[in-house]
Protein backbone atom coordinates (compact mmCIF):
# COMPACT_ATOMS: atom_id res chain seq x y z
CA UNK A 1 0.00 0.00 0.00
CA UNK A 2 2.63 2.55 1.03
CA UNK A 3 4.88 1.63 -1.87
CA UNK A 4 1.96 2.26 -4.20
CA UNK A 5 1.35 5.66 -2.60
CA UNK A 6 5.00 6.54 -3.14
CA UNK A 7 4.83 5.37 -6.76
CA UNK A 8 1.76 7.56 -7.35
CA UNK A 9 3.30 10.60 -5.68
CA UNK A 10 6.31 10.98 -7.97
CA UNK A 11 4.47 11.15 -11.33
CA UNK A 12 1.84 13.42 -9.77
CA UNK A 13 4.49 15.86 -8.55
CA UNK A 14 6.30 15.69 -11.87
CA UNK A 15 3.12 16.57 -13.77
CA UNK A 16 2.31 19.36 -11.31
CA UNK A 17 5.80 20.73 -11.90
CA UNK A 18 5.22 20.72 -15.66
CA UNK A 19 1.84 22.44 -15.29
CA UNK A 20 2.95 25.10 -12.81
CA UNK A 21 6.36 25.91 -14.30
CA UNK A 22 4.91 28.18 -17.05
CA UNK A 23 3.23 30.18 -14.27
CA UNK A 24 6.56 30.61 -12.50
CA UNK A 25 5.48 28.44 -9.57
CA UNK A 26 6.67 25.26 -7.95
CA UNK A 27 4.23 22.79 -6.44
CA UNK A 28 5.12 23.88 -2.91
CA UNK A 29 4.75 27.58 -3.79
CA UNK A 30 1.35 26.79 -5.26
CA UNK A 31 0.53 25.02 -1.99
CA UNK A 32 1.32 28.13 0.04
CA UNK A 33 -0.69 30.38 -2.28
CA UNK A 34 -3.59 27.94 -2.04
CA UNK A 35 -3.47 27.88 1.77
CA UNK A 36 -3.44 31.68 1.97
CA UNK A 37 -6.34 32.01 -0.45
CA UNK A 38 -8.47 29.23 0.98
CA UNK A 39 -7.64 29.56 4.69
CA UNK A 40 -6.90 33.29 4.81
CA UNK A 41 -3.85 35.17 6.05
CA UNK A 42 -1.68 32.79 8.07
CA UNK A 43 1.38 32.81 10.26
CA UNK A 44 4.44 30.74 9.45
CA UNK A 45 3.56 28.57 12.47
CA UNK A 46 0.02 27.98 11.18
CA UNK A 47 1.25 26.90 7.75
CA UNK A 48 3.97 24.69 9.22
CA UNK A 49 1.40 22.96 11.44
CA UNK A 50 -1.00 22.54 8.52
CA UNK A 51 1.75 21.00 6.38
CA UNK A 52 3.21 19.07 9.33
CA UNK A 53 6.70 20.48 8.78
CA UNK A 54 9.08 22.59 10.84
CA UNK A 55 8.45 26.34 10.79
CA UNK A 56 11.82 27.20 9.15
CA UNK A 57 10.76 25.08 6.14
CA UNK A 58 8.12 27.68 5.26
CA UNK A 59 10.46 30.69 5.24
CA UNK A 60 12.29 30.15 1.92
CA UNK A 61 9.03 29.32 0.14
CA UNK A 62 7.42 32.49 1.45
CA UNK A 63 10.47 34.58 0.58
CA UNK A 64 10.38 33.49 -3.06
CA UNK A 65 6.70 34.43 -3.25
CA UNK A 66 7.48 37.82 -1.68
CA UNK A 67 10.19 38.29 -4.33
CA UNK A 68 7.55 37.59 -7.01
CA UNK A 69 5.13 40.07 -5.36
CA UNK A 70 2.59 37.27 -4.83
CA UNK A 71 2.50 37.57 -1.04
CA UNK A 72 3.48 40.11 1.56
CA UNK A 73 4.33 39.64 5.20
CA UNK A 74 2.75 41.86 7.81
CA UNK A 75 2.59 41.77 11.57
CA UNK A 76 -0.13 40.13 13.59
CA UNK A 77 -1.82 41.23 16.79
CA UNK A 78 1.40 40.39 18.55
CA UNK A 79 3.97 42.62 16.79
CA UNK A 80 6.48 39.76 16.85
CA UNK A 81 4.12 37.56 14.86
CA UNK A 82 4.55 37.55 11.08
CA UNK A 83 1.43 36.98 8.98
CA UNK A 84 1.47 36.11 5.29
CA UNK A 85 -1.13 37.65 2.98
CA UNK A 86 -1.76 37.29 -0.74
CA UNK A 87 -1.27 40.36 -2.88
CA UNK A 88 -3.74 41.16 -5.66
CA UNK A 89 -1.24 39.60 -8.07
CA UNK A 90 -1.15 36.54 -5.80
CA UNK A 91 -4.93 36.20 -5.98
CA UNK A 92 -4.79 36.36 -9.79
CA UNK A 93 -2.01 33.74 -9.83
CA UNK A 94 -4.10 31.54 -7.52
CA UNK A 95 -7.08 31.71 -9.87
CA UNK A 96 -4.94 30.95 -12.91
CA UNK A 97 -3.16 28.01 -11.26
CA UNK A 98 -6.37 26.65 -9.72
CA UNK A 99 -8.00 26.25 -13.15
CA UNK A 100 -4.99 24.29 -14.42
CA UNK A 101 -4.58 22.15 -11.30
CA UNK A 102 -8.29 21.34 -11.00
CA UNK A 103 -8.47 20.30 -14.66
CA UNK A 104 -5.51 17.96 -14.13
CA UNK A 105 -6.95 16.53 -10.91
CA UNK A 106 -10.39 16.01 -12.42
CA UNK A 107 -8.76 14.17 -15.32
CA UNK A 108 -6.95 11.92 -12.83
CA UNK A 109 -10.23 11.15 -11.08
CA UNK A 110 -12.07 10.40 -14.31
CA UNK A 111 -13.45 6.88 -14.01
CA UNK A 112 -13.15 6.79 -10.22
CA UNK A 113 -16.59 6.64 -8.60
CA UNK A 114 -17.74 8.81 -5.70
CA UNK A 115 -17.77 5.67 -3.52
CA UNK A 116 -14.15 4.92 -4.43
CA UNK A 117 -13.17 8.54 -3.71
CA UNK A 118 -14.88 8.31 -0.32
CA UNK A 119 -12.96 5.14 0.54
CA UNK A 120 -9.67 6.81 -0.43
CA UNK A 121 -10.52 9.89 1.64
CA UNK A 122 -11.46 7.75 4.64
CA UNK A 123 -8.15 5.89 4.44
CA UNK A 124 -6.20 9.14 4.01
CA UNK A 125 -7.96 10.62 7.04
CA UNK A 126 -7.19 7.61 9.22
CA UNK A 127 -3.52 7.63 8.21
CA UNK A 128 -3.20 11.40 8.74
CA UNK A 129 -4.77 11.19 12.19
CA UNK A 130 -2.92 8.07 13.33
CA UNK A 131 -0.65 10.03 15.68
CA UNK A 132 -3.56 11.77 17.36
CA UNK A 133 -4.81 8.56 19.04
């Protein structure tokens, strides 16, 4: 099972790379843009927890998006807290990338029934929440 997941992951990431490269994005940069659009402005700690990575892993991704004027970093209620926000250009990039990514993902799911998708989601949920028991 886990070997199969790994074997699926590589071609998926490779295709995502090919689709996002013309937009000037990597898959992980797209992921950060998506989180900020769909979840709202977020701290580095929030994103790291969501992705289940260490906080310093988020910094270089955010910095590249700042350099592209896709996000900006402001302060939170606590002045020491840094909060990432999408710029108007970032919102446009999100919309452009989302159309491409969703078309690819829908194509992947073509021929997979709703019941099969539910089973996959249930398994994914159980694996993701294994440590919380």
